[in-house]
Amino acid sequence: MEKKYLMDTNAVIDYSDNKLPDNSANLIDKIDTQVSVITRMELLSWHKATRKQIQVLQKFINGSNVIGLQENIILKTIELRKQYKIKLPDAIIAATALASKMDLISHNIADFIKVPGLKVIDPWLK
């Protein structure tokens, strides 16, 4: 079975801006990209993005599997928020990765360090 990865918002931005190291960009080029609905919302409401960046991000999202707020993800999010007091968007992203049995690609390791069982891959260190 092929390894699956969920991309956090910051990883999508860095990838779309061609800022990631080659080995990480090559990995992302080869995978079926998966993002949480939260990442979709964060990307398309990014106030600092130019019109061109929004077009690139929309194209990326259109080519990705966007995972919505299914009941198992909602319940896991509630559990993570109660136990680890992490921000709601981060809890949803972590719950999505856990419920979908995916590793998370994110440069914000500190946001997810408290979550047991969640494997986080920093694309800047890969």
C-alpha atoms as a PDB file:
ATOM      1  CA  MET A   1       0.000   0.000   0.000  1.00  0.00           C
ATOM      2  CA  GLU A   2       1.299   3.412  -0.988  1.00  0.00           C
ATOM      3  CA  LYS A   3       2.100   5.840   1.818  1.00  0.00           C
ATOM      4  CA  LYS A   4      -0.353   8.743   2.009  1.00  0.00           C
ATOM      5  CA  TYR A   5       0.373  12.274   3.141  1.00  0.00           C
ATOM      6  CA  LEU A   6      -1.793  15.174   4.246  1.00  0.00           C
ATOM      7  CA  MET A   7      -0.356  18.588   3.440  1.00  0.00           C
ATOM      8  CA  ASP A   8      -0.624  21.425   5.932  1.00  0.00           C
ATOM      9  CA  THR A   9      -1.293  24.953   4.698  1.00  0.00           C
ATOM     10  CA  ASN A  10       2.291  26.159   5.093  1.00  0.00           C
ATOM     11  CA  ALA A  11       3.637  23.214   3.074  1.00  0.00           C
ATOM     12  CA  VAL A  12       1.222  23.922   0.220  1.00  0.00           C
ATOM     13  CA  ILE A  13       2.236  27.595   0.154  1.00  0.00           C
ATOM     14  CA  ASP A  14       5.955  26.788   0.153  1.00  0.00           C
ATOM     15  CA  TYR A  15       5.463  24.111  -2.516  1.00  0.00           C
ATOM     16  CA  SER A  16       3.341  26.395  -4.708  1.00  0.00           C
ATOM     17  CA  ASP A  17       5.934  29.173  -4.394  1.00  0.00           C
ATOM     18  CA  ASN A  18       8.734  26.730  -5.376  1.00  0.00           C
ATOM     19  CA  LYS A  19      10.504  27.362  -2.072  1.00  0.00           C
ATOM     20  CA  LEU A  20      10.879  23.779  -0.806  1.00  0.00           C
ATOM     21  CA  PRO A  21      14.140  21.857  -1.031  1.00  0.00           C
ATOM     22  CA  ASP A  22      14.297  19.649  -4.152  1.00  0.00           C
ATOM     23  CA  ASN A  23      13.890  16.347  -2.292  1.00  0.00           C
ATOM     24  CA  SER A  24      10.646  17.506  -0.643  1.00  0.00           C
ATOM     25  CA  ALA A  25       9.291  19.072  -3.834  1.00  0.00           C
ATOM     26  CA  ASN A  26      10.056  15.830  -5.693  1.00  0.00           C
ATOM     27  CA  LEU A  27       8.168  13.804  -3.068  1.00  0.00           C
ATOM     28  CA  ILE A  28       5.124  16.069  -3.365  1.00  0.00           C
ATOM     29  CA  ASP A  29       5.320  15.897  -7.172  1.00  0.00           C
ATOM     30  CA  LYS A  30       4.940  12.103  -6.935  1.00  0.00           C
ATOM     31  CA  ILE A  31       2.056  11.808  -4.465  1.00  0.00           C
ATOM     32  CA  ASP A  32      -1.679  12.206  -4.760  1.00  0.00           C
ATOM     33  CA  THR A  33      -2.044  15.392  -2.784  1.00  0.00           C
ATOM     34  CA  GLN A  34      -4.488  15.416   0.107  1.00  0.00           C
ATOM     35  CA  VAL A  35      -5.536  18.461   2.096  1.00  0.00           C
ATOM     36  CA  SER A  36      -8.020  19.143   4.853  1.00  0.00           C
ATOM     37  CA  VAL A  37     -10.975  21.384   4.139  1.00  0.00           C
ATOM     38  CA  ILE A  38      -9.345  23.720   6.700  1.00  0.00           C
ATOM     39  CA  THR A  39      -6.254  24.003   4.506  1.00  0.00           C
ATOM     40  CA  ARG A  40      -8.474  24.826   1.542  1.00  0.00           C
ATOM     41  CA  MET A  41     -10.177  27.589   3.536  1.00  0.00           C
ATOM     42  CA  GLU A  42      -6.890  28.963   4.887  1.00  0.00           C
ATOM     43  CA  LEU A  43      -5.284  29.012   1.444  1.00  0.00           C
ATOM     44  CA  LEU A  44      -8.136  30.730  -0.355  1.00  0.00           C
ATOM     45  CA  SER A  45      -8.632  33.316   2.398  1.00  0.00           C
ATOM     46  CA  TRP A  46      -4.907  34.117   2.694  1.00  0.00           C
ATOM     47  CA  HIS A  47      -5.014  37.915   2.816  1.00  0.00           C
ATOM     48  CA  LYS A  48      -1.369  38.410   1.774  1.00  0.00           C
ATOM     49  CA  ALA A  49      -1.713  36.331  -1.385  1.00  0.00           C
ATOM     50  CA  THR A  50      -1.560  37.996  -4.762  1.00  0.00           C
ATOM     51  CA  ARG A  51      -4.134  37.260  -7.421  1.00  0.00           C
ATOM     52  CA  LYS A  52      -1.550  35.057  -9.179  1.00  0.00           C
ATOM     53  CA  GLN A  53      -0.843  33.112  -5.963  1.00  0.00           C
ATOM     54  CA  ILE A  54      -4.561  32.515  -5.417  1.00  0.00           C
ATOM     55  CA  GLN A  55      -4.832  31.181  -8.984  1.00  0.00           C
ATOM     56  CA  VAL A  56      -1.906  28.803  -8.376  1.00  0.00           C
ATOM     57  CA  LEU A  57      -3.369  27.696  -5.040  1.00  0.00           C
ATOM     58  CA  GLN A  58      -6.827  27.160  -6.569  1.00  0.00           C
ATOM     59  CA  LYS A  59      -5.249  24.990  -9.277  1.00  0.00           C
ATOM     60  CA  PHE A  60      -3.413  23.000  -6.586  1.00  0.00           C
ATOM     61  CA  ILE A  61      -6.635  22.507  -4.611  1.00  0.00           C
ATOM     62  CA  ASN A  62      -8.537  21.481  -7.742  1.00  0.00           C
ATOM     63  CA  GLY A  63      -5.932  18.754  -8.303  1.00  0.00           C
ATOM     64  CA  SER A  64      -6.020  17.575  -4.691  1.00  0.00           C
ATOM     65  CA  ASN A  65      -8.332  15.416  -2.645  1.00  0.00           C
ATOM     66  CA  VAL A  66      -9.975  17.778  -0.150  1.00  0.00           C
ATOM     67  CA  ILE A  67     -11.062  15.862   2.953  1.00  0.00           C
ATOM     68  CA  GLY A  68     -14.157  17.295   4.581  1.00  0.00           C
ATOM     69  CA  LEU A  69     -15.405  17.269   8.140  1.00  0.00           C
ATOM     70  CA  GLN A  70     -16.658  13.718   8.434  1.00  0.00           C
ATOM     71  CA  GLU A  71     -18.034  12.509  11.773  1.00  0.00           C
ATOM     72  CA  ASN A  72     -14.898  10.544  12.709  1.00  0.00           C
ATOM     73  CA  ILE A  73     -12.767  13.645  12.077  1.00  0.00           C
ATOM     74  CA  ILE A  74     -15.128  15.830  14.095  1.00  0.00           C
ATOM     75  CA  LEU A  75     -15.011  13.442  17.065  1.00  0.00           C
ATOM     76  CA  LYS A  76     -11.217  13.171  16.899  1.00  0.00           C
ATOM     77  CA  THR A  77     -10.956  16.974  16.704  1.00  0.00           C
ATOM     78  CA  ILE A  78     -13.057  17.328  19.848  1.00  0.00           C
ATOM     79  CA  GLU A  79     -10.863  14.799  21.638  1.00  0.00           C
ATOM     80  CA  LEU A  80      -7.644  16.559  20.595  1.00  0.00           C
ATOM     81  CA  ARG A  81      -8.936  19.991  21.603  1.00  0.00           C
ATOM     82  CA  LYS A  82     -10.021  18.744  25.027  1.00  0.00           C
ATOM     83  CA  GLN A  83      -6.868  16.773  25.777  1.00  0.00           C
ATOM     84  CA  TYR A  84      -4.150  18.925  24.239  1.00  0.00           C
ATOM     85  CA  LYS A  85      -5.671  22.407  24.028  1.00  0.00           C
ATOM     86  CA  ILE A  86      -4.458  23.038  20.490  1.00  0.00           C
ATOM     87  CA  LYS A  87      -6.004  25.596  18.134  1.00  0.00           C
ATOM     88  CA  LEU A  88      -9.115  24.454  16.301  1.00  0.00           C
ATOM     89  CA  PRO A  89      -7.637  24.576  12.766  1.00  0.00           C
ATOM     90  CA  ASP A  90      -4.586  22.577  13.890  1.00  0.00           C
ATOM     91  CA  ALA A  91      -6.798  20.090  15.721  1.00  0.00           C
ATOM     92  CA  ILE A  92      -8.895  19.557  12.586  1.00  0.00           C
ATOM     93  CA  ILE A  93      -5.799  19.050  10.437  1.00  0.00           C
ATOM     94  CA  ALA A  94      -4.272  16.632  12.977  1.00  0.00           C
ATOM     95  CA  ALA A  95      -7.566  14.753  13.330  1.00  0.00           C
ATOM     96  CA  THR A  96      -7.868  14.505   9.552  1.00  0.00           C
ATOM     97  CA  ALA A  97      -4.379  13.002   9.273  1.00  0.00           C
ATOM     98  CA  LEU A  98      -4.980  10.573  12.130  1.00  0.00           C
ATOM     99  CA  ALA A  99      -8.450   9.488  10.984  1.00  0.00           C
ATOM    100  CA  SER A 100      -7.189   9.036   7.419  1.00  0.00           C
ATOM    101  CA  LYS A 101      -4.009   7.220   8.532  1.00  0.00           C
ATOM    102  CA  MET A 102      -1.722   9.737   6.857  1.00  0.00           C
ATOM    103  CA  ASP A 103       1.534  11.411   7.770  1.00  0.00           C
ATOM    104  CA  LEU A 104       1.323  15.189   7.936  1.00  0.00           C
ATOM    105  CA  ILE A 105       3.662  17.362   5.874  1.00  0.00           C
ATOM    106  CA  SER A 106       4.113  20.592   7.828  1.00  0.00           C
ATOM    107  CA  HIS A 107       6.863  23.016   8.734  1.00  0.00           C
ATOM    108  CA  ASN A 108       4.985  23.913  11.934  1.00  0.00           C
ATOM    109  CA  ILE A 109       6.160  20.973  14.014  1.00  0.00           C
ATOM    110  CA  ALA A 110       5.464  22.844  17.274  1.00  0.00           C
ATOM    111  CA  ASP A 111       1.754  23.078  16.414  1.00  0.00           C
ATOM    112  CA  PHE A 112       1.439  19.291  16.360  1.00  0.00           C
ATOM    113  CA  ILE A 113       4.109  18.034  18.779  1.00  0.00           C
ATOM    114  CA  LYS A 114       1.553  17.278  21.516  1.00  0.00           C
ATOM    115  CA  VAL A 115      -0.525  14.929  19.346  1.00  0.00           C
ATOM    116  CA  PRO A 116       0.367  11.284  20.012  1.00  0.00           C
ATOM    117  CA  GLY A 117       0.414   8.977  17.026  1.00  0.00           C
ATOM    118  CA  LEU A 118       0.707  11.796  14.520  1.00  0.00           C
ATOM    119  CA  LYS A 119       3.792  11.589  12.342  1.00  0.00           C
ATOM    120  CA  VAL A 120       4.806  15.030  11.129  1.00  0.00           C
ATOM    121  CA  ILE A 121       7.330  15.450   8.330  1.00  0.00           C
ATOM    122  CA  ASP A 122       9.006  18.835   8.053  1.00  0.00           C
ATOM    123  CA  PRO A 123       9.568  19.394   4.309  1.00  0.00           C
ATOM    124  CA  TRP A 124      12.467  21.694   5.129  1.00  0.00           C
ATOM    125  CA  LEU A 125      14.309  18.874   6.909  1.00  0.00           C
ATOM    126  CA  LYS A 126      13.454  15.920   4.640  1.00  0.00           C
END
